Amino acid sequence: MKTFVKLNGVTKRGKTKVREHGEEWIVMGTRDKVLFNTVNRNWLDLESTLTGNRRWVHPTADIDFVVS
């Protein structure tokens, strides 16, 4: 079963990404660590339902997005 989340942009960068790729994203997987950030645990690998773009987003500590 696929899990869907909604992204809301907080920063200018986040708002631009939501405008370009949509608010609804599919959770493709999770990872405890990513190379570009020191916050560990629960990173979400998301894919846009609109464009297929993928990105890593932290559900509680992301500076660009609020995940709901």
PDB file of N, CA and C in Angstrom:
ATOM      1  N   MET A   1       0.836  -1.184   0.000  1.00  0.00           N
ATOM      2  CA  MET A   1       0.000   0.000   0.000  1.00  0.00           C
ATOM      3  C   MET A   1       0.878   1.243   0.000  1.00  0.00           C
ATOM      4  N   LYS A   2       0.568   2.173  -0.843  1.00  0.00           N
ATOM      5  CA  LYS A   2       1.345   3.404  -0.943  1.00  0.00           C
ATOM      6  C   LYS A   2       0.913   4.390   0.141  1.00  0.00           C
ATOM      7  N   THR A   3       1.914   5.097   0.687  1.00  0.00           N
ATOM      8  CA  THR A   3       1.651   6.148   1.655  1.00  0.00           C
ATOM      9  C   THR A   3       1.861   7.486   0.969  1.00  0.00           C
ATOM     10  N   PHE A   4       0.892   8.356   1.097  1.00  0.00           N
ATOM     11  CA  PHE A   4       0.962   9.688   0.504  1.00  0.00           C
ATOM     12  C   PHE A   4       1.143  10.727   1.604  1.00  0.00           C
ATOM     13  N   VAL A   5       1.937  11.762   1.304  1.00  0.00           N
ATOM     14  CA  VAL A   5       2.088  12.891   2.215  1.00  0.00           C
ATOM     15  C   VAL A   5       1.895  14.175   1.430  1.00  0.00           C
ATOM     16  N   LYS A   6       1.615  15.236   2.155  1.00  0.00           N
ATOM     17  CA  LYS A   6       1.457  16.549   1.544  1.00  0.00           C
ATOM     18  C   LYS A   6       2.610  17.422   2.013  1.00  0.00           C
ATOM     19  N   LEU A   7       3.274  18.093   1.069  1.00  0.00           N
ATOM     20  CA  LEU A   7       4.348  19.014   1.403  1.00  0.00           C
ATOM     21  C   LEU A   7       3.843  20.446   1.299  1.00  0.00           C
ATOM     22  N   ASN A   8       4.175  21.243   2.295  1.00  0.00           N
ATOM     23  CA  ASN A   8       3.908  22.681   2.277  1.00  0.00           C
ATOM     24  C   ASN A   8       5.252  23.380   2.352  1.00  0.00           C
ATOM     25  N   GLY A   9       5.497  24.296   1.448  1.00  0.00           N
ATOM     26  CA  GLY A   9       6.747  25.034   1.443  1.00  0.00           C
ATOM     27  C   GLY A   9       6.803  26.064   2.555  1.00  0.00           C
ATOM     28  N   VAL A  10       7.962  26.147   3.237  1.00  0.00           N
ATOM     29  CA  VAL A  10       8.168  27.120   4.306  1.00  0.00           C
ATOM     30  C   VAL A  10       9.083  28.233   3.811  1.00  0.00           C
ATOM     31  N   THR A  11      10.175  27.870   3.171  1.00  0.00           N
ATOM     32  CA  THR A  11      11.131  28.840   2.641  1.00  0.00           C
ATOM     33  C   THR A  11      10.808  29.110   1.174  1.00  0.00           C
ATOM     34  N   LYS A  12      11.499  30.080   0.599  1.00  0.00           N
ATOM     35  CA  LYS A  12      11.311  30.385  -0.823  1.00  0.00           C
ATOM     36  C   LYS A  12      11.621  29.147  -1.664  1.00  0.00           C
ATOM     37  N   ARG A  13      12.686  28.434  -1.300  1.00  0.00           N
ATOM     38  CA  ARG A  13      13.062  27.221  -2.034  1.00  0.00           C
ATOM     39  C   ARG A  13      11.970  26.155  -1.938  1.00  0.00           C
ATOM     40  N   GLY A  14      11.451  25.954  -0.736  1.00  0.00           N
ATOM     41  CA  GLY A  14      10.394  24.969  -0.537  1.00  0.00           C
ATOM     42  C   GLY A  14       9.127  25.315  -1.295  1.00  0.00           C
ATOM     43  N   LYS A  15       8.734  26.580  -1.263  1.00  0.00           N
ATOM     44  CA  LYS A  15       7.538  27.016  -1.975  1.00  0.00           C
ATOM     45  C   LYS A  15       7.699  26.842  -3.478  1.00  0.00           C
ATOM     46  N   THR A  16       8.899  27.102  -3.990  1.00  0.00           N
ATOM     47  CA  THR A  16       9.171  26.916  -5.421  1.00  0.00           C
ATOM     48  C   THR A  16       9.044  25.447  -5.799  1.00  0.00           C
ATOM     49  N   LYS A  17       9.613  24.556  -4.993  1.00  0.00           N
ATOM     50  CA  LYS A  17       9.532  23.118  -5.287  1.00  0.00           C
ATOM     51  C   LYS A  17       8.095  22.627  -5.275  1.00  0.00           C
ATOM     52  N   VAL A  18       7.287  23.094  -4.325  1.00  0.00           N
ATOM     53  CA  VAL A  18       5.878  22.698  -4.273  1.00  0.00           C
ATOM     54  C   VAL A  18       5.143  23.238  -5.501  1.00  0.00           C
ATOM     55  N   ARG A  19       5.424  24.451  -5.898  1.00  0.00           N
ATOM     56  CA  ARG A  19       4.792  25.034  -7.087  1.00  0.00           C
ATOM     57  C   ARG A  19       5.169  24.240  -8.346  1.00  0.00           C
ATOM     58  N   GLU A  20       6.431  23.822  -8.447  1.00  0.00           N
ATOM     59  CA  GLU A  20       6.907  23.096  -9.632  1.00  0.00           C
ATOM     60  C   GLU A  20       6.443  21.644  -9.677  1.00  0.00           C
ATOM     61  N   HIS A  21       6.385  20.978  -8.511  1.00  0.00           N
ATOM     62  CA  HIS A  21       6.173  19.529  -8.480  1.00  0.00           C
ATOM     63  C   HIS A  21       4.911  19.091  -7.754  1.00  0.00           C
ATOM     64  N   GLY A  22       4.138  20.033  -7.216  1.00  0.00           N
ATOM     65  CA  GLY A  22       2.873  19.706  -6.562  1.00  0.00           C
ATOM     66  C   GLY A  22       3.016  19.449  -5.077  1.00  0.00           C
ATOM     67  N   GLU A  23       1.873  19.386  -4.406  1.00  0.00           N
ATOM     68  CA  GLU A  23       1.834  19.189  -2.958  1.00  0.00           C
ATOM     69  C   GLU A  23       1.816  17.723  -2.560  1.00  0.00           C
ATOM     70  N   GLU A  24       1.286  16.849  -3.401  1.00  0.00           N
ATOM     71  CA  GLU A  24       1.118  15.443  -3.035  1.00  0.00           C
ATOM     72  C   GLU A  24       2.308  14.609  -3.483  1.00  0.00           C
ATOM     73  N   TRP A  25       2.871  13.853  -2.534  1.00  0.00           N
ATOM     74  CA  TRP A  25       4.055  13.031  -2.782  1.00  0.00           C
ATOM     75  C   TRP A  25       3.833  11.629  -2.235  1.00  0.00           C
ATOM     76  N   ILE A  26       4.469  10.645  -2.875  1.00  0.00           N
ATOM     77  CA  ILE A  26       4.406   9.245  -2.447  1.00  0.00           C
ATOM     78  C   ILE A  26       5.676   8.920  -1.675  1.00  0.00           C
ATOM     79  N   VAL A  27       5.543   8.254  -0.533  1.00  0.00           N
ATOM     80  CA  VAL A  27       6.711   7.810   0.235  1.00  0.00           C
ATOM     81  C   VAL A  27       7.239   6.537  -0.418  1.00  0.00           C
ATOM     82  N   MET A  28       8.457   6.628  -0.979  1.00  0.00           N
ATOM     83  CA  MET A  28       9.073   5.490  -1.664  1.00  0.00           C
ATOM     84  C   MET A  28       9.933   4.654  -0.717  1.00  0.00           C
ATOM     85  N   GLY A  29      10.363   5.255   0.391  1.00  0.00           N
ATOM     86  CA  GLY A  29      11.196   4.550   1.352  1.00  0.00           C
ATOM     87  C   GLY A  29      11.675   5.501   2.428  1.00  0.00           C
ATOM     88  N   THR A  30      12.453   4.955   3.350  1.00  0.00           N
ATOM     89  CA  THR A  30      13.025   5.769   4.421  1.00  0.00           C
ATOM     90  C   THR A  30      14.492   5.415   4.600  1.00  0.00           C
ATOM     91  N   ARG A  31      15.215   6.309   5.243  1.00  0.00           N
ATOM     92  CA  ARG A  31      16.626   6.081   5.514  1.00  0.00           C
ATOM     93  C   ARG A  31      16.981   6.809   6.808  1.00  0.00           C
ATOM     94  N   ASP A  32      17.887   6.238   7.580  1.00  0.00           N
ATOM     95  CA  ASP A  32      18.302   6.860   8.841  1.00  0.00           C
ATOM     96  C   ASP A  32      19.298   7.988   8.643  1.00  0.00           C
ATOM     97  N   LYS A  33      20.114   7.935   7.592  1.00  0.00           N
ATOM     98  CA  LYS A  33      21.134   8.961   7.363  1.00  0.00           C
ATOM     99  C   LYS A  33      21.147   9.381   5.897  1.00  0.00           C
ATOM    100  N   VAL A  34      21.440  10.662   5.692  1.00  0.00           N
ATOM    101  CA  VAL A  34      21.686  11.176   4.344  1.00  0.00           C
ATOM    102  C   VAL A  34      23.006  11.939   4.388  1.00  0.00           C
ATOM    103  N   LEU A  35      23.708  11.997   3.281  1.00  0.00           N
ATOM    104  CA  LEU A  35      25.038  12.600   3.257  1.00  0.00           C
ATOM    105  C   LEU A  35      25.028  14.115   3.400  1.00  0.00           C
ATOM    106  N   PHE A  36      23.934  14.768   3.011  1.00  0.00           N
ATOM    107  CA  PHE A  36      23.914  16.225   2.982  1.00  0.00           C
ATOM    108  C   PHE A  36      23.450  16.876   4.280  1.00  0.00           C
ATOM    109  N   ASN A  37      23.120  16.074   5.317  1.00  0.00           N
ATOM    110  CA  ASN A  37      22.601  16.653   6.554  1.00  0.00           C
ATOM    111  C   ASN A  37      23.009  15.800   7.747  1.00  0.00           C
ATOM    112  N   THR A  38      23.187  16.425   8.898  1.00  0.00           N
ATOM    113  CA  THR A  38      23.616  15.700  10.094  1.00  0.00           C
ATOM    114  C   THR A  38      22.453  15.205  10.941  1.00  0.00           C
ATOM    115  N   VAL A  39      21.229  15.613  10.623  1.00  0.00           N
ATOM    116  CA  VAL A  39      20.062  15.120  11.362  1.00  0.00           C
ATOM    117  C   VAL A  39      19.864  13.659  10.994  1.00  0.00           C
ATOM    118  N   ASN A  40      19.872  12.795  11.985  1.00  0.00           N
ATOM    119  CA  ASN A  40      19.721  11.362  11.745  1.00  0.00           C
ATOM    120  C   ASN A  40      18.287  10.914  12.003  1.00  0.00           C
ATOM    121  N   ARG A  41      17.942   9.815  11.400  1.00  0.00           N
ATOM    122  CA  ARG A  41      16.674   9.108  11.553  1.00  0.00           C
ATOM    123  C   ARG A  41      15.538   9.671  10.703  1.00  0.00           C
ATOM    124  N   ASN A  42      14.794   8.741  10.161  1.00  0.00           N
ATOM    125  CA  ASN A  42      13.489   8.991   9.542  1.00  0.00           C
ATOM    126  C   ASN A  42      13.461   9.876   8.303  1.00  0.00           C
ATOM    127  N   TRP A  43      14.488   9.923   7.503  1.00  0.00           N
ATOM    128  CA  TRP A  43      14.425  10.680   6.246  1.00  0.00           C
ATOM    129  C   TRP A  43      13.478   9.958   5.298  1.00  0.00           C
ATOM    130  N   LEU A  44      12.626  10.717   4.626  1.00  0.00           N
ATOM    131  CA  LEU A  44      11.667  10.155   3.686  1.00  0.00           C
ATOM    132  C   LEU A  44      12.148  10.354   2.254  1.00  0.00           C
ATOM    133  N   ASP A  45      12.128   9.289   1.482  1.00  0.00           N
ATOM    134  CA  ASP A  45      12.409   9.358   0.045  1.00  0.00           C
ATOM    135  C   ASP A  45      11.059   9.560  -0.621  1.00  0.00           C
ATOM    136  N   LEU A  46      10.823  10.765  -1.148  1.00  0.00           N
ATOM    137  CA  LEU A  46       9.522  11.110  -1.710  1.00  0.00           C
ATOM    138  C   LEU A  46       9.578  11.253  -3.218  1.00  0.00           C
ATOM    139  N   GLU A  47       8.467  10.881  -3.866  1.00  0.00           N
ATOM    140  CA  GLU A  47       8.318  11.052  -5.309  1.00  0.00           C
ATOM    141  C   GLU A  47       7.045  11.846  -5.576  1.00  0.00           C
ATOM    142  N   SER A  48       7.157  12.882  -6.385  1.00  0.00           N
ATOM    143  CA  SER A  48       6.009  13.717  -6.727  1.00  0.00           C
ATOM    144  C   SER A  48       5.003  12.932  -7.558  1.00  0.00           C
ATOM    145  N   THR A  49       3.731  13.048  -7.208  1.00  0.00           N
ATOM    146  CA  THR A  49       2.692  12.400  -8.014  1.00  0.00           C
ATOM    147  C   THR A  49       2.444  13.159  -9.309  1.00  0.00           C
ATOM    148  N   LEU A  50       2.894  14.408  -9.360  1.00  0.00           N
ATOM    149  CA  LEU A  50       2.680  15.254 -10.537  1.00  0.00           C
ATOM    150  C   LEU A  50       3.778  15.094 -11.586  1.00  0.00           C
ATOM    151  N   THR A  51       5.052  15.136 -11.153  1.00  0.00           N
ATOM    152  CA  THR A  51       6.162  15.141 -12.109  1.00  0.00           C
ATOM    153  C   THR A  51       7.097  13.945 -11.995  1.00  0.00           C
ATOM    154  N   GLY A  52       7.012  13.177 -10.914  1.00  0.00           N
ATOM    155  CA  GLY A  52       7.936  12.066 -10.719  1.00  0.00           C
ATOM    156  C   GLY A  52       9.258  12.480 -10.103  1.00  0.00           C
ATOM    157  N   ASN A  53       9.425  13.767  -9.808  1.00  0.00           N
ATOM    158  CA  ASN A  53      10.643  14.260  -9.155  1.00  0.00           C
ATOM    159  C   ASN A  53      10.794  13.598  -7.803  1.00  0.00           C
ATOM    160  N   ARG A  54      12.043  13.276  -7.418  1.00  0.00           N
ATOM    161  CA  ARG A  54      12.296  12.651  -6.119  1.00  0.00           C
ATOM    162  C   ARG A  54      13.163  13.539  -5.271  1.00  0.00           C
ATOM    163  N   ARG A  55      12.945  13.455  -3.938  1.00  0.00           N
ATOM    164  CA  ARG A  55      13.764  14.226  -2.996  1.00  0.00           C
ATOM    165  C   ARG A  55      13.677  13.603  -1.617  1.00  0.00           C
ATOM    166  N   TRP A  56      14.717  13.894  -0.822  1.00  0.00           N
ATOM    167  CA  TRP A  56      14.765  13.471   0.573  1.00  0.00           C
ATOM    168  C   TRP A  56      14.220  14.599   1.433  1.00  0.00           C
ATOM    169  N   VAL A  57      13.296  14.278   2.318  1.00  0.00           N
ATOM    170  CA  VAL A  57      12.690  15.269   3.207  1.00  0.00           C
ATOM    171  C   VAL A  57      12.621  14.673   4.599  1.00  0.00           C
ATOM    172  N   HIS A  58      12.981  15.474   5.614  1.00  0.00           N
ATOM    173  CA  HIS A  58      12.844  15.026   6.996  1.00  0.00           C
ATOM    174  C   HIS A  58      11.464  15.445   7.493  1.00  0.00           C
ATOM    175  N   PRO A  59      10.699  14.527   8.078  1.00  0.00           N
ATOM    176  CA  PRO A  59       9.313  14.841   8.427  1.00  0.00           C
ATOM    177  C   PRO A  59       9.137  15.863   9.544  1.00  0.00           C
ATOM    178  N   THR A  60      10.153  16.074  10.397  1.00  0.00           N
ATOM    179  CA  THR A  60       9.989  17.011  11.502  1.00  0.00           C
ATOM    180  C   THR A  60      11.085  18.088  11.571  1.00  0.00           C
ATOM    181  N   ALA A  61      12.219  17.874  10.925  1.00  0.00           N
ATOM    182  CA  ALA A  61      13.337  18.810  11.054  1.00  0.00           C
ATOM    183  C   ALA A  61      13.804  19.384   9.715  1.00  0.00           C
ATOM    184  N   ASP A  62      12.934  19.429   8.742  1.00  0.00           N
ATOM    185  CA  ASP A  62      13.300  19.970   7.428  1.00  0.00           C
ATOM    186  C   ASP A  62      13.112  21.482   7.427  1.00  0.00           C
ATOM    187  N   ILE A  63      14.109  22.218   6.940  1.00  0.00           N
ATOM    188  CA  ILE A  63      14.016  23.682   6.958  1.00  0.00           C
ATOM    189  C   ILE A  63      13.157  24.229   5.810  1.00  0.00           C
ATOM    190  N   ASP A  64      12.962  23.453   4.756  1.00  0.00           N
ATOM    191  CA  ASP A  64      12.232  23.926   3.578  1.00  0.00           C
ATOM    192  C   ASP A  64      10.761  23.511   3.531  1.00  0.00           C
ATOM    193  N   PHE A  65      10.387  22.439   4.248  1.00  0.00           N
ATOM    194  CA  PHE A  65       9.045  21.888   4.127  1.00  0.00           C
ATOM    195  C   PHE A  65       8.427  21.526   5.463  1.00  0.00           C
ATOM    196  N   VAL A  66       7.094  21.563   5.483  1.00  0.00           N
ATOM    197  CA  VAL A  66       6.300  20.954   6.561  1.00  0.00           C
ATOM    198  C   VAL A  66       5.598  19.773   5.921  1.00  0.00           C
ATOM    199  N   VAL A  67       5.732  18.607   6.537  1.00  0.00           N
ATOM    200  CA  VAL A  67       5.139  17.384   6.015  1.00  0.00           C
ATOM    201  C   VAL A  67       3.855  17.105   6.785  1.00  0.00           C
ATOM    202  N   SER A  68       2.775  16.864   6.037  1.00  0.00           N
ATOM    203  CA  SER A  68       1.515  16.489   6.703  1.00  0.00           C
ATOM    204  C   SER A  68       0.871  15.329   5.978  1.00  0.00           C
TER     205      SER A  68
END
